[in-house]
Amino acid sequence: MAKLLYTMGEVADMLSEAPSAVRYWSNYFEKYVKPQRNAKGNRLYHPEDIETLKQIQFMVKKQGLTLEGAMQKMREDHRSVDRRVKALDSLKAIREQLVAVRTAICK
């Protein structure tokens, strides 16, 4: 069962990014990433926000776009980026499964 809300630290770990980067992207892309805040003011992210952050990370880190370029791409058509990010996630999961199988066979 998936969680409904994730903390900043959990999201940063999922993305393998520093919490400051996640915070900055959240502020820069406030139209697309809308975390809730708890009573202390900490950000709590929905799974949809995490998917958007993955898209931003892909555009900035993998495609080499600037934040402004990534913003423009989000405005134009972010579905193509979404498909690529999901494909990469699927490939990573398959690789993890293959490594687990190889490890089990070699023992």
C-alpha atoms as a PDB file:
ATOM      1  CA  MET A   1       0.000   0.000   0.000  1.00  0.00           C
ATOM      2  CA  ALA A   2       1.489   3.309  -1.083  1.00  0.00           C
ATOM      3  CA  LYS A   3       1.660   6.277   1.213  1.00  0.00           C
ATOM      4  CA  LEU A   4      -0.496   9.327   0.554  1.00  0.00           C
ATOM      5  CA  LEU A   5       2.096  11.922   1.564  1.00  0.00           C
ATOM      6  CA  TYR A   6       5.896  11.866   1.601  1.00  0.00           C
ATOM      7  CA  THR A   7       8.271  14.090   3.534  1.00  0.00           C
ATOM      8  CA  MET A   8      10.991  16.195   1.937  1.00  0.00           C
ATOM      9  CA  GLY A   9      13.667  13.724   3.061  1.00  0.00           C
ATOM     10  CA  GLU A  10      11.815  10.761   1.591  1.00  0.00           C
ATOM     11  CA  VAL A  11      11.369  12.541  -1.736  1.00  0.00           C
ATOM     12  CA  ALA A  12      15.021  13.593  -1.789  1.00  0.00           C
ATOM     13  CA  ASP A  13      16.043   9.956  -1.168  1.00  0.00           C
ATOM     14  CA  MET A  14      13.733   8.707  -3.940  1.00  0.00           C
ATOM     15  CA  LEU A  15      15.285  11.137  -6.399  1.00  0.00           C
ATOM     16  CA  SER A  16      18.848  10.767  -5.046  1.00  0.00           C
ATOM     17  CA  GLU A  17      18.996  14.539  -4.781  1.00  0.00           C
ATOM     18  CA  ALA A  18      19.762  16.954  -1.992  1.00  0.00           C
ATOM     19  CA  PRO A  19      16.723  18.251  -0.116  1.00  0.00           C
ATOM     20  CA  SER A  20      17.741  21.779  -1.099  1.00  0.00           C
ATOM     21  CA  ALA A  21      17.414  20.877  -4.793  1.00  0.00           C
ATOM     22  CA  VAL A  22      13.949  19.401  -4.238  1.00  0.00           C
ATOM     23  CA  ARG A  23      12.938  22.491  -2.272  1.00  0.00           C
ATOM     24  CA  TYR A  24      14.260  24.803  -4.991  1.00  0.00           C
ATOM     25  CA  TRP A  25      12.466  22.887  -7.755  1.00  0.00           C
ATOM     26  CA  SER A  26       9.257  22.961  -5.689  1.00  0.00           C
ATOM     27  CA  ASN A  27       9.494  26.718  -5.387  1.00  0.00           C
ATOM     28  CA  TYR A  28      10.504  27.292  -9.020  1.00  0.00           C
ATOM     29  CA  PHE A  29       7.791  25.014 -10.441  1.00  0.00           C
ATOM     30  CA  GLU A  30       5.106  26.037  -7.945  1.00  0.00           C
ATOM     31  CA  LYS A  31       2.443  25.838 -10.663  1.00  0.00           C
ATOM     32  CA  TYR A  32       3.133  22.106 -11.149  1.00  0.00           C
ATOM     33  CA  VAL A  33       4.389  20.967  -7.721  1.00  0.00           C
ATOM     34  CA  LYS A  34       2.070  21.844  -4.850  1.00  0.00           C
ATOM     35  CA  PRO A  35       3.180  20.214  -1.621  1.00  0.00           C
ATOM     36  CA  GLN A  36       0.964  20.435   1.433  1.00  0.00           C
ATOM     37  CA  ARG A  37       2.345  21.761   4.681  1.00  0.00           C
ATOM     38  CA  ASN A  38       1.906  20.246   8.106  1.00  0.00           C
ATOM     39  CA  ALA A  39       1.439  22.185  11.348  1.00  0.00           C
ATOM     40  CA  LYS A  40       5.206  22.765  11.612  1.00  0.00           C
ATOM     41  CA  GLY A  41       5.385  24.067   8.049  1.00  0.00           C
ATOM     42  CA  ASN A  42       7.184  21.031   6.609  1.00  0.00           C
ATOM     43  CA  ARG A  43       6.424  20.129   3.004  1.00  0.00           C
ATOM     44  CA  LEU A  44       4.478  16.931   2.344  1.00  0.00           C
ATOM     45  CA  TYR A  45       4.399  15.681  -1.239  1.00  0.00           C
ATOM     46  CA  HIS A  46       1.685  13.709  -3.045  1.00  0.00           C
ATOM     47  CA  PRO A  47       2.706  10.918  -5.446  1.00  0.00           C
ATOM     48  CA  GLU A  48       1.695  13.190  -8.364  1.00  0.00           C
ATOM     49  CA  ASP A  49       4.145  15.825  -7.110  1.00  0.00           C
ATOM     50  CA  ILE A  50       6.889  13.197  -6.997  1.00  0.00           C
ATOM     51  CA  GLU A  51       6.185  12.204 -10.607  1.00  0.00           C
ATOM     52  CA  THR A  52       6.433  15.860 -11.629  1.00  0.00           C
ATOM     53  CA  LEU A  53       9.714  16.207  -9.728  1.00  0.00           C
ATOM     54  CA  LYS A  54      11.027  13.122 -11.562  1.00  0.00           C
ATOM     55  CA  GLN A  55      10.142  14.795 -14.851  1.00  0.00           C
ATOM     56  CA  ILE A  56      11.943  17.973 -13.795  1.00  0.00           C
ATOM     57  CA  GLN A  57      14.969  15.976 -12.697  1.00  0.00           C
ATOM     58  CA  PHE A  58      15.021  14.138 -16.035  1.00  0.00           C
ATOM     59  CA  MET A  59      14.878  17.381 -18.027  1.00  0.00           C
ATOM     60  CA  VAL A  60      17.504  19.150 -15.939  1.00  0.00           C
ATOM     61  CA  LYS A  61      19.940  16.317 -15.205  1.00  0.00           C
ATOM     62  CA  LYS A  62      19.573  13.973 -18.204  1.00  0.00           C
ATOM     63  CA  GLN A  63      18.577  16.326 -21.006  1.00  0.00           C
ATOM     64  CA  GLY A  64      20.719  19.219 -19.749  1.00  0.00           C
ATOM     65  CA  LEU A  65      17.951  21.815 -19.877  1.00  0.00           C
ATOM     66  CA  THR A  66      18.042  24.921 -17.754  1.00  0.00           C
ATOM     67  CA  LEU A  67      15.217  25.450 -15.288  1.00  0.00           C
ATOM     68  CA  GLU A  68      13.680  27.974 -17.667  1.00  0.00           C
ATOM     69  CA  GLY A  69      13.959  25.464 -20.519  1.00  0.00           C
ATOM     70  CA  ALA A  70      12.346  22.796 -18.362  1.00  0.00           C
ATOM     71  CA  MET A  71       9.559  25.234 -17.453  1.00  0.00           C
ATOM     72  CA  GLN A  72       8.944  25.964 -21.112  1.00  0.00           C
ATOM     73  CA  LYS A  73       8.830  22.251 -21.927  1.00  0.00           C
ATOM     74  CA  MET A  74       6.354  21.687 -19.075  1.00  0.00           C
ATOM     75  CA  ARG A  75       4.140  24.428 -20.510  1.00  0.00           C
ATOM     76  CA  GLU A  76       4.300  23.020 -24.038  1.00  0.00           C
ATOM     77  CA  ASP A  77       3.888  19.272 -23.597  1.00  0.00           C
ATOM     78  CA  HIS A  78       5.122  17.391 -20.572  1.00  0.00           C
ATOM     79  CA  ARG A  79       3.486  14.106 -21.633  1.00  0.00           C
ATOM     80  CA  SER A  80       6.464  13.142 -23.793  1.00  0.00           C
ATOM     81  CA  VAL A  81       8.789  13.691 -20.838  1.00  0.00           C
ATOM     82  CA  ASP A  82       6.408  11.732 -18.619  1.00  0.00           C
ATOM     83  CA  ARG A  83       6.577   8.739 -20.967  1.00  0.00           C
ATOM     84  CA  ARG A  84      10.384   8.812 -20.969  1.00  0.00           C
ATOM     85  CA  VAL A  85      10.569   9.023 -17.194  1.00  0.00           C
ATOM     86  CA  LYS A  86       8.167   6.094 -16.812  1.00  0.00           C
ATOM     87  CA  ALA A  87      10.159   4.073 -19.347  1.00  0.00           C
ATOM     88  CA  LEU A  88      13.385   4.745 -17.408  1.00  0.00           C
ATOM     89  CA  ASP A  89      11.700   3.738 -14.146  1.00  0.00           C
ATOM     90  CA  SER A  90      10.521   0.490 -15.758  1.00  0.00           C
ATOM     91  CA  LEU A  91      13.993  -0.259 -17.093  1.00  0.00           C
ATOM     92  CA  LYS A  92      15.536   0.363 -13.673  1.00  0.00           C
ATOM     93  CA  ALA A  93      13.045  -2.025 -12.066  1.00  0.00           C
ATOM     94  CA  ILE A  94      13.798  -4.688 -14.681  1.00  0.00           C
ATOM     95  CA  ARG A  95      17.524  -4.269 -14.099  1.00  0.00           C
ATOM     96  CA  GLU A  96      17.082  -4.684 -10.346  1.00  0.00           C
ATOM     97  CA  GLN A  97      15.126  -7.887 -10.945  1.00  0.00           C
ATOM     98  CA  LEU A  98      17.793  -9.227 -13.297  1.00  0.00           C
ATOM     99  CA  VAL A  99      20.554  -8.452 -10.809  1.00  0.00           C
ATOM    100  CA  ALA A 100      18.576 -10.261  -8.099  1.00  0.00           C
ATOM    101  CA  VAL A 101      18.145 -13.297 -10.356  1.00  0.00           C
ATOM    102  CA  ARG A 102      21.839 -13.306 -11.257  1.00  0.00           C
ATOM    103  CA  THR A 103      22.793 -13.085  -7.587  1.00  0.00           C
ATOM    104  CA  ALA A 104      20.467 -15.956  -6.723  1.00  0.00           C
ATOM    105  CA  ILE A 105      21.862 -18.131  -9.523  1.00  0.00           C
ATOM    106  CA  CYS A 106      25.513 -17.458  -8.658  1.00  0.00           C
ATOM    107  CA  LYS A 107      25.098 -18.478  -5.006  1.00  0.00           C
END
